Amino acid sequence: MTDHIVYVKWIDSGYSLLADRWQDVEDVKNLKDEIKPIETVGFLLEESADYLILAQSYSCSENSVRGGYIIYKKNILERRTCR
């Protein structure tokens, strides 16, 4: 499906905690308030009833990708096909 480029506005709920230092528990709890919508454009590699797989870069000659996301559809706020 790499012939489709899509724009997706979505909520990324996978906030990572820091592993290189201790964090205050209340600061960690307040991170939920910092989660804002993300806007992503990418090559649509696969789509199911539950998710999209997007790649940021795609090499036709190598059939390989670099960078990307698996986005759960329940987190999508807006979606458009770009091409």
PDB file of N, CA and C in Angstrom:
ATOM      1  N   MET A   1       0.813  -1.205   0.000  1.00  0.00           N
ATOM      2  CA  MET A   1       0.000   0.000   0.000  1.00  0.00           C
ATOM      3  C   MET A   1       0.851   1.261   0.000  1.00  0.00           C
ATOM      4  N   THR A   2       2.080   1.183  -0.361  1.00  0.00           N
ATOM      5  CA  THR A   2       2.958   2.346  -0.278  1.00  0.00           C
ATOM      6  C   THR A   2       2.642   3.397  -1.323  1.00  0.00           C
ATOM      7  N   ASP A   3       1.626   3.172  -2.153  1.00  0.00           N
ATOM      8  CA  ASP A   3       1.243   4.186  -3.122  1.00  0.00           C
ATOM      9  C   ASP A   3       0.320   5.234  -2.517  1.00  0.00           C
ATOM     10  N   HIS A   4      -0.009   5.095  -1.249  1.00  0.00           N
ATOM     11  CA  HIS A   4      -0.850   6.066  -0.561  1.00  0.00           C
ATOM     12  C   HIS A   4      -0.035   6.824   0.485  1.00  0.00           C
ATOM     13  N   ILE A   5      -0.164   8.129   0.448  1.00  0.00           N
ATOM     14  CA  ILE A   5       0.426   8.973   1.486  1.00  0.00           C
ATOM     15  C   ILE A   5      -0.739   9.576   2.255  1.00  0.00           C
ATOM     16  N   VAL A   6      -0.676   9.468   3.573  1.00  0.00           N
ATOM     17  CA  VAL A   6      -1.783   9.953   4.391  1.00  0.00           C
ATOM     18  C   VAL A   6      -1.309  10.951   5.438  1.00  0.00           C
ATOM     19  N   TYR A   7      -2.218  11.844   5.774  1.00  0.00           N
ATOM     20  CA  TYR A   7      -2.049  12.784   6.887  1.00  0.00           C
ATOM     21  C   TYR A   7      -2.941  12.273   8.003  1.00  0.00           C
ATOM     22  N   VAL A   8      -2.396  12.201   9.220  1.00  0.00           N
ATOM     23  CA  VAL A   8      -3.163  11.746  10.375  1.00  0.00           C
ATOM     24  C   VAL A   8      -2.912  12.692  11.542  1.00  0.00           C
ATOM     25  N   LYS A   9      -3.986  13.171  12.142  1.00  0.00           N
ATOM     26  CA  LYS A   9      -3.902  13.921  13.399  1.00  0.00           C
ATOM     27  C   LYS A   9      -4.392  12.959  14.473  1.00  0.00           C
ATOM     28  N   TRP A  10      -3.550  12.712  15.488  1.00  0.00           N
ATOM     29  CA  TRP A  10      -3.854  11.659  16.441  1.00  0.00           C
ATOM     30  C   TRP A  10      -3.314  11.978  17.817  1.00  0.00           C
ATOM     31  N   ILE A  11      -3.781  11.226  18.796  1.00  0.00           N
ATOM     32  CA  ILE A  11      -3.311  11.353  20.172  1.00  0.00           C
ATOM     33  C   ILE A  11      -2.335  10.218  20.441  1.00  0.00           C
ATOM     34  N   ASP A  12      -1.099  10.558  20.762  1.00  0.00           N
ATOM     35  CA  ASP A  12      -0.083   9.566  21.092  1.00  0.00           C
ATOM     36  C   ASP A  12      -0.093   9.383  22.601  1.00  0.00           C
ATOM     37  N   SER A  13      -0.612   8.263  23.049  1.00  0.00           N
ATOM     38  CA  SER A  13      -0.715   8.026  24.495  1.00  0.00           C
ATOM     39  C   SER A  13       0.490   7.289  25.053  1.00  0.00           C
ATOM     40  N   GLY A  14       1.492   7.063  24.232  1.00  0.00           N
ATOM     41  CA  GLY A  14       2.655   6.305  24.672  1.00  0.00           C
ATOM     42  C   GLY A  14       3.766   7.172  25.218  1.00  0.00           C
ATOM     43  N   TYR A  15       3.474   8.039  26.160  1.00  0.00           N
ATOM     44  CA  TYR A  15       4.477   8.930  26.741  1.00  0.00           C
ATOM     45  C   TYR A  15       5.515   8.102  27.495  1.00  0.00           C
ATOM     46  N   SER A  16       6.775   8.279  27.190  1.00  0.00           N
ATOM     47  CA  SER A  16       7.848   7.524  27.840  1.00  0.00           C
ATOM     48  C   SER A  16       8.380   8.278  29.050  1.00  0.00           C
ATOM     49  N   LEU A  17       8.579   7.565  30.136  1.00  0.00           N
ATOM     50  CA  LEU A  17       9.191   8.157  31.321  1.00  0.00           C
ATOM     51  C   LEU A  17      10.707   8.126  31.150  1.00  0.00           C
ATOM     52  N   LEU A  18      11.398   8.990  31.864  1.00  0.00           N
ATOM     53  CA  LEU A  18      12.843   9.075  31.773  1.00  0.00           C
ATOM     54  C   LEU A  18      13.490   7.923  32.533  1.00  0.00           C
ATOM     55  N   ALA A  19      14.504   7.327  31.950  1.00  0.00           N
ATOM     56  CA  ALA A  19      15.174   6.204  32.597  1.00  0.00           C
ATOM     57  C   ALA A  19      16.510   6.601  33.205  1.00  0.00           C
ATOM     58  N   ASP A  20      16.972   7.821  32.901  1.00  0.00           N
ATOM     59  CA  ASP A  20      18.301   8.225  33.362  1.00  0.00           C
ATOM     60  C   ASP A  20      18.284   9.043  34.653  1.00  0.00           C
ATOM     61  N   ARG A  21      17.064   9.255  35.241  1.00  0.00           N
ATOM     62  CA  ARG A  21      16.994   9.992  36.498  1.00  0.00           C
ATOM     63  C   ARG A  21      15.668   9.698  37.192  1.00  0.00           C
ATOM     64  N   TRP A  22      15.633   9.981  38.469  1.00  0.00           N
ATOM     65  CA  TRP A  22      14.414   9.824  39.252  1.00  0.00           C
ATOM     66  C   TRP A  22      13.466  10.963  38.939  1.00  0.00           C
ATOM     67  N   GLN A  23      12.158  10.655  38.948  1.00  0.00           N
ATOM     68  CA  GLN A  23      11.145  11.672  38.716  1.00  0.00           C
ATOM     69  C   GLN A  23      10.137  11.660  39.855  1.00  0.00           C
ATOM     70  N   ASP A  24       9.678  12.844  40.236  1.00  0.00           N
ATOM     71  CA  ASP A  24       8.674  12.978  41.273  1.00  0.00           C
ATOM     72  C   ASP A  24       7.365  12.339  40.795  1.00  0.00           C
ATOM     73  N   VAL A  25       6.706  11.589  41.662  1.00  0.00           N
ATOM     74  CA  VAL A  25       5.476  10.885  41.299  1.00  0.00           C
ATOM     75  C   VAL A  25       4.409  11.851  40.795  1.00  0.00           C
ATOM     76  N   GLU A  26       4.237  12.980  41.457  1.00  0.00           N
ATOM     77  CA  GLU A  26       3.220  13.947  41.024  1.00  0.00           C
ATOM     78  C   GLU A  26       3.554  14.521  39.645  1.00  0.00           C
ATOM     79  N   ASP A  27       4.846  14.742  39.361  1.00  0.00           N
ATOM     80  CA  ASP A  27       5.247  15.213  38.030  1.00  0.00           C
ATOM     81  C   ASP A  27       4.871  14.191  36.961  1.00  0.00           C
ATOM     82  N   VAL A  28       5.075  12.918  37.260  1.00  0.00           N
ATOM     83  CA  VAL A  28       4.737  11.858  36.309  1.00  0.00           C
ATOM     84  C   VAL A  28       3.228  11.814  36.083  1.00  0.00           C
ATOM     85  N   LYS A  29       2.453  11.911  37.160  1.00  0.00           N
ATOM     86  CA  LYS A  29       0.995  11.906  37.035  1.00  0.00           C
ATOM     87  C   LYS A  29       0.499  13.082  36.193  1.00  0.00           C
ATOM     88  N   ASN A  30       1.175  14.222  36.282  1.00  0.00           N
ATOM     89  CA  ASN A  30       0.760  15.416  35.545  1.00  0.00           C
ATOM     90  C   ASN A  30       1.135  15.371  34.062  1.00  0.00           C
ATOM     91  N   LEU A  31       1.943  14.396  33.653  1.00  0.00           N
ATOM     92  CA  LEU A  31       2.314  14.284  32.243  1.00  0.00           C
ATOM     93  C   LEU A  31       1.108  14.078  31.349  1.00  0.00           C
ATOM     94  N   LYS A  32       0.057  13.456  31.882  1.00  0.00           N
ATOM     95  CA  LYS A  32      -1.149  13.232  31.084  1.00  0.00           C
ATOM     96  C   LYS A  32      -1.731  14.546  30.568  1.00  0.00           C
ATOM     97  N   ASP A  33      -1.502  15.634  31.288  1.00  0.00           N
ATOM     98  CA  ASP A  33      -2.010  16.943  30.876  1.00  0.00           C
ATOM     99  C   ASP A  33      -1.194  17.544  29.736  1.00  0.00           C
ATOM    100  N   GLU A  34      -0.019  16.991  29.470  1.00  0.00           N
ATOM    101  CA  GLU A  34       0.853  17.510  28.414  1.00  0.00           C
ATOM    102  C   GLU A  34       0.671  16.781  27.087  1.00  0.00           C
ATOM    103  N   ILE A  35      -0.129  15.728  27.066  1.00  0.00           N
ATOM    104  CA  ILE A  35      -0.341  14.976  25.835  1.00  0.00           C
ATOM    105  C   ILE A  35      -1.225  15.796  24.906  1.00  0.00           C
ATOM    106  N   LYS A  36      -0.689  16.164  23.774  1.00  0.00           N
ATOM    107  CA  LYS A  36      -1.380  16.985  22.783  1.00  0.00           C
ATOM    108  C   LYS A  36      -1.465  16.215  21.470  1.00  0.00           C
ATOM    109  N   PRO A  37      -2.375  16.627  20.574  1.00  0.00           N
ATOM    110  CA  PRO A  37      -2.467  15.961  19.272  1.00  0.00           C
ATOM    111  C   PRO A  37      -1.158  16.058  18.484  1.00  0.00           C
ATOM    112  N   ILE A  38      -0.869  14.992  17.751  1.00  0.00           N
ATOM    113  CA  ILE A  38       0.306  14.885  16.891  1.00  0.00           C
ATOM    114  C   ILE A  38      -0.190  14.904  15.449  1.00  0.00           C
ATOM    115  N   GLU A  39       0.564  15.533  14.551  1.00  0.00           N
ATOM    116  CA  GLU A  39       0.244  15.501  13.132  1.00  0.00           C
ATOM    117  C   GLU A  39       1.358  14.763  12.408  1.00  0.00           C
ATOM    118  N   THR A  40       0.991  13.718  11.663  1.00  0.00           N
ATOM    119  CA  THR A  40       1.953  12.858  10.988  1.00  0.00           C
ATOM    120  C   THR A  40       1.548  12.681   9.531  1.00  0.00           C
ATOM    121  N   VAL A  41       2.540  12.700   8.650  1.00  0.00           N
ATOM    122  CA  VAL A  41       2.339  12.367   7.243  1.00  0.00           C
ATOM    123  C   VAL A  41       3.268  11.210   6.925  1.00  0.00           C
ATOM    124  N   GLY A  42       2.746  10.180   6.242  1.00  0.00           N
ATOM    125  CA  GLY A  42       3.600   9.046   5.931  1.00  0.00           C
ATOM    126  C   GLY A  42       3.017   8.133   4.873  1.00  0.00           C
ATOM    127  N   PHE A  43       3.851   7.193   4.436  1.00  0.00           N
ATOM    128  CA  PHE A  43       3.441   6.169   3.484  1.00  0.00           C
ATOM    129  C   PHE A  43       2.627   5.118   4.219  1.00  0.00           C
ATOM    130  N   LEU A  44       1.437   4.817   3.736  1.00  0.00           N
ATOM    131  CA  LEU A  44       0.584   3.822   4.362  1.00  0.00           C
ATOM    132  C   LEU A  44       1.063   2.429   3.955  1.00  0.00           C
ATOM    133  N   LEU A  45       1.631   1.692   4.899  1.00  0.00           N
ATOM    134  CA  LEU A  45       2.140   0.347   4.634  1.00  0.00           C
ATOM    135  C   LEU A  45       1.080  -0.724   4.846  1.00  0.00           C
ATOM    136  N   GLU A  46       0.242  -0.521   5.869  1.00  0.00           N
ATOM    137  CA  GLU A  46      -0.782  -1.519   6.187  1.00  0.00           C
ATOM    138  C   GLU A  46      -1.894  -0.843   6.962  1.00  0.00           C
ATOM    139  N   GLU A  47      -3.104  -1.365   6.764  1.00  0.00           N
ATOM    140  CA  GLU A  47      -4.253  -0.875   7.510  1.00  0.00           C
ATOM    141  C   GLU A  47      -5.120  -2.056   7.899  1.00  0.00           C
ATOM    142  N   SER A  48      -5.563  -2.057   9.139  1.00  0.00           N
ATOM    143  CA  SER A  48      -6.508  -3.073   9.616  1.00  0.00           C
ATOM    144  C   SER A  48      -7.712  -2.339  10.211  1.00  0.00           C
ATOM    145  N   ALA A  49      -8.610  -3.078  10.786  1.00  0.00           N
ATOM    146  CA  ALA A  49      -9.762  -2.467  11.460  1.00  0.00           C
ATOM    147  C   ALA A  49      -9.328  -1.675  12.684  1.00  0.00           C
ATOM    148  N   ASP A  50      -8.143  -2.000  13.233  1.00  0.00           N
ATOM    149  CA  ASP A  50      -7.697  -1.395  14.489  1.00  0.00           C
ATOM    150  C   ASP A  50      -6.560  -0.395  14.371  1.00  0.00           C
ATOM    151  N   TYR A  51      -5.748  -0.465  13.309  1.00  0.00           N
ATOM    152  CA  TYR A  51      -4.541   0.372  13.260  1.00  0.00           C
ATOM    153  C   TYR A  51      -4.116   0.699  11.834  1.00  0.00           C
ATOM    154  N   LEU A  52      -3.214   1.695  11.747  1.00  0.00           N
ATOM    155  CA  LEU A  52      -2.493   2.040  10.521  1.00  0.00           C
ATOM    156  C   LEU A  52      -1.012   1.849  10.804  1.00  0.00           C
ATOM    157  N   ILE A  53      -0.253   1.436   9.798  1.00  0.00           N
ATOM    158  CA  ILE A  53       1.201   1.438   9.902  1.00  0.00           C
ATOM    159  C   ILE A  53       1.707   2.416   8.853  1.00  0.00           C
ATOM    160  N   LEU A  54       2.397   3.467   9.310  1.00  0.00           N
ATOM    161  CA  LEU A  54       2.946   4.494   8.428  1.00  0.00           C
ATOM    162  C   LEU A  54       4.465   4.482   8.490  1.00  0.00           C
ATOM    163  N   ALA A  55       5.098   4.731   7.350  1.00  0.00           N
ATOM    164  CA  ALA A  55       6.551   4.864   7.297  1.00  0.00           C
ATOM    165  C   ALA A  55       6.879   6.281   6.863  1.00  0.00           C
ATOM    166  N   GLN A  56       7.924   6.856   7.428  1.00  0.00           N
ATOM    167  CA  GLN A  56       8.327   8.211   7.057  1.00  0.00           C
ATOM    168  C   GLN A  56       9.094   8.235   5.747  1.00  0.00           C
ATOM    169  N   SER A  57       9.923   7.235   5.506  1.00  0.00           N
ATOM    170  CA  SER A  57      10.693   7.138   4.263  1.00  0.00           C
ATOM    171  C   SER A  57      10.559   5.726   3.716  1.00  0.00           C
ATOM    172  N   TYR A  58      10.474   5.627   2.378  1.00  0.00           N
ATOM    173  CA  TYR A  58      10.305   4.326   1.731  1.00  0.00           C
ATOM    174  C   TYR A  58      11.234   4.231   0.530  1.00  0.00           C
ATOM    175  N   SER A  59      12.001   3.150   0.431  1.00  0.00           N
ATOM    176  CA  SER A  59      12.880   2.899  -0.707  1.00  0.00           C
ATOM    177  C   SER A  59      12.245   1.835  -1.591  1.00  0.00           C
ATOM    178  N   CYS A  60      11.807   2.234  -2.782  1.00  0.00           N
ATOM    179  CA  CYS A  60      11.189   1.280  -3.720  1.00  0.00           C
ATOM    180  C   CYS A  60      12.191   0.206  -4.137  1.00  0.00           C
ATOM    181  N   SER A  61      13.407   0.625  -4.446  1.00  0.00           N
ATOM    182  CA  SER A  61      14.404  -0.326  -4.950  1.00  0.00           C
ATOM    183  C   SER A  61      14.826  -1.349  -3.906  1.00  0.00           C
ATOM    184  N   GLU A  62      14.800  -0.980  -2.650  1.00  0.00           N
ATOM    185  CA  GLU A  62      15.205  -1.893  -1.563  1.00  0.00           C
ATOM    186  C   GLU A  62      14.011  -2.518  -0.846  1.00  0.00           C
ATOM    187  N   ASN A  63      12.805  -2.010  -1.126  1.00  0.00           N
ATOM    188  CA  ASN A  63      11.598  -2.411  -0.407  1.00  0.00           C
ATOM    189  C   ASN A  63      11.842  -2.373   1.106  1.00  0.00           C
ATOM    190  N   SER A  64      12.321  -1.216   1.546  1.00  0.00           N
ATOM    191  CA  SER A  64      12.605  -1.031   2.968  1.00  0.00           C
ATOM    192  C   SER A  64      12.132   0.351   3.404  1.00  0.00           C
ATOM    193  N   VAL A  65      11.991   0.510   4.702  1.00  0.00           N
ATOM    194  CA  VAL A  65      11.496   1.762   5.275  1.00  0.00           C
ATOM    195  C   VAL A  65      12.427   2.251   6.362  1.00  0.00           C
ATOM    196  N   ARG A  66      12.281   3.527   6.687  1.00  0.00           N
ATOM    197  CA  ARG A  66      13.024   4.124   7.795  1.00  0.00           C
ATOM    198  C   ARG A  66      12.065   5.032   8.560  1.00  0.00           C
ATOM    199  N   GLY A  67      11.937   4.781   9.842  1.00  0.00           N
ATOM    200  CA  GLY A  67      11.067   5.595  10.688  1.00  0.00           C
ATOM    201  C   GLY A  67       9.603   5.323  10.420  1.00  0.00           C
ATOM    202  N   GLY A  68       8.781   5.604  11.394  1.00  0.00           N
ATOM    203  CA  GLY A  68       7.353   5.449  11.197  1.00  0.00           C
ATOM    204  C   GLY A  68       6.606   5.178  12.487  1.00  0.00           C
ATOM    205  N   TYR A  69       5.332   4.848  12.329  1.00  0.00           N
ATOM    206  CA  TYR A  69       4.449   4.703  13.483  1.00  0.00           C
ATOM    207  C   TYR A  69       3.425   3.614  13.243  1.00  0.00           C
ATOM    208  N   ILE A  70       3.004   2.973  14.313  1.00  0.00           N
ATOM    209  CA  ILE A  70       1.785   2.174  14.331  1.00  0.00           C
ATOM    210  C   ILE A  70       0.789   3.009  15.126  1.00  0.00           C
ATOM    211  N   ILE A  71      -0.293   3.413  14.476  1.00  0.00           N
ATOM    212  CA  ILE A  71      -1.266   4.314  15.087  1.00  0.00           C
ATOM    213  C   ILE A  71      -2.589   3.574  15.235  1.00  0.00           C
ATOM    214  N   TYR A  72      -3.067   3.473  16.458  1.00  0.00           N
ATOM    215  CA  TYR A  72      -4.361   2.842  16.691  1.00  0.00           C
ATOM    216  C   TYR A  72      -5.472   3.772  16.233  1.00  0.00           C
ATOM    217  N   LYS A  73      -6.416   3.238  15.504  1.00  0.00           N
ATOM    218  CA  LYS A  73      -7.495   4.042  14.924  1.00  0.00           C
ATOM    219  C   LYS A  73      -8.321   4.762  15.988  1.00  0.00           C
ATOM    220  N   LYS A  74      -8.452   4.178  17.169  1.00  0.00           N
ATOM    221  CA  LYS A  74      -9.235   4.841  18.217  1.00  0.00           C
ATOM    222  C   LYS A  74      -8.571   6.132  18.681  1.00  0.00           C
ATOM    223  N   ASN A  75      -7.283   6.329  18.332  1.00  0.00           N
ATOM    224  CA  ASN A  75      -6.573   7.556  18.706  1.00  0.00           C
ATOM    225  C   ASN A  75      -6.588   8.602  17.597  1.00  0.00           C
ATOM    226  N   ILE A  76      -7.171   8.292  16.445  1.00  0.00           N
ATOM    227  CA  ILE A  76      -7.154   9.206  15.302  1.00  0.00           C
ATOM    228  C   ILE A  76      -8.280  10.232  15.430  1.00  0.00           C
ATOM    229  N   LEU A  77      -7.892  11.504  15.319  1.00  0.00           N
ATOM    230  CA  LEU A  77      -8.844  12.619  15.366  1.00  0.00           C
ATOM    231  C   LEU A  77      -9.250  13.055  13.954  1.00  0.00           C
ATOM    232  N   GLU A  78      -8.309  12.945  13.013  1.00  0.00           N
ATOM    233  CA  GLU A  78      -8.553  13.391  11.644  1.00  0.00           C
ATOM    234  C   GLU A  78      -7.623  12.602  10.717  1.00  0.00           C
ATOM    235  N   ARG A  79      -8.119  12.332   9.502  1.00  0.00           N
ATOM    236  CA  ARG A  79      -7.320  11.572   8.535  1.00  0.00           C
ATOM    237  C   ARG A  79      -7.674  12.015   7.123  1.00  0.00           C
ATOM    238  N   ARG A  80      -6.625  12.213   6.281  1.00  0.00           N
ATOM    239  CA  ARG A  80      -6.822  12.573   4.872  1.00  0.00           C
ATOM    240  C   ARG A  80      -5.813  11.844   4.017  1.00  0.00           C
ATOM    241  N   THR A  81      -6.228  11.454   2.816  1.00  0.00           N
ATOM    242  CA  THR A  81      -5.297  10.898   1.851  1.00  0.00           C
ATOM    243  C   THR A  81      -4.655  12.060   1.111  1.00  0.00           C
ATOM    244  N   CYS A  82      -3.346  12.066   1.016  1.00  0.00           N
ATOM    245  CA  CYS A  82      -2.623  13.163   0.370  1.00  0.00           C
ATOM    246  C   CYS A  82      -2.395  12.906  -1.117  1.00  0.00           C
ATOM    247  N   ARG A  83      -2.419  11.637  -1.495  1.00  0.00           N
ATOM    248  CA  ARG A  83      -2.182  11.334  -2.906  1.00  0.00           C
ATOM    249  C   ARG A  83      -2.874  10.060  -3.267  1.00  0.00           C
TER     250      ARG A  83
END
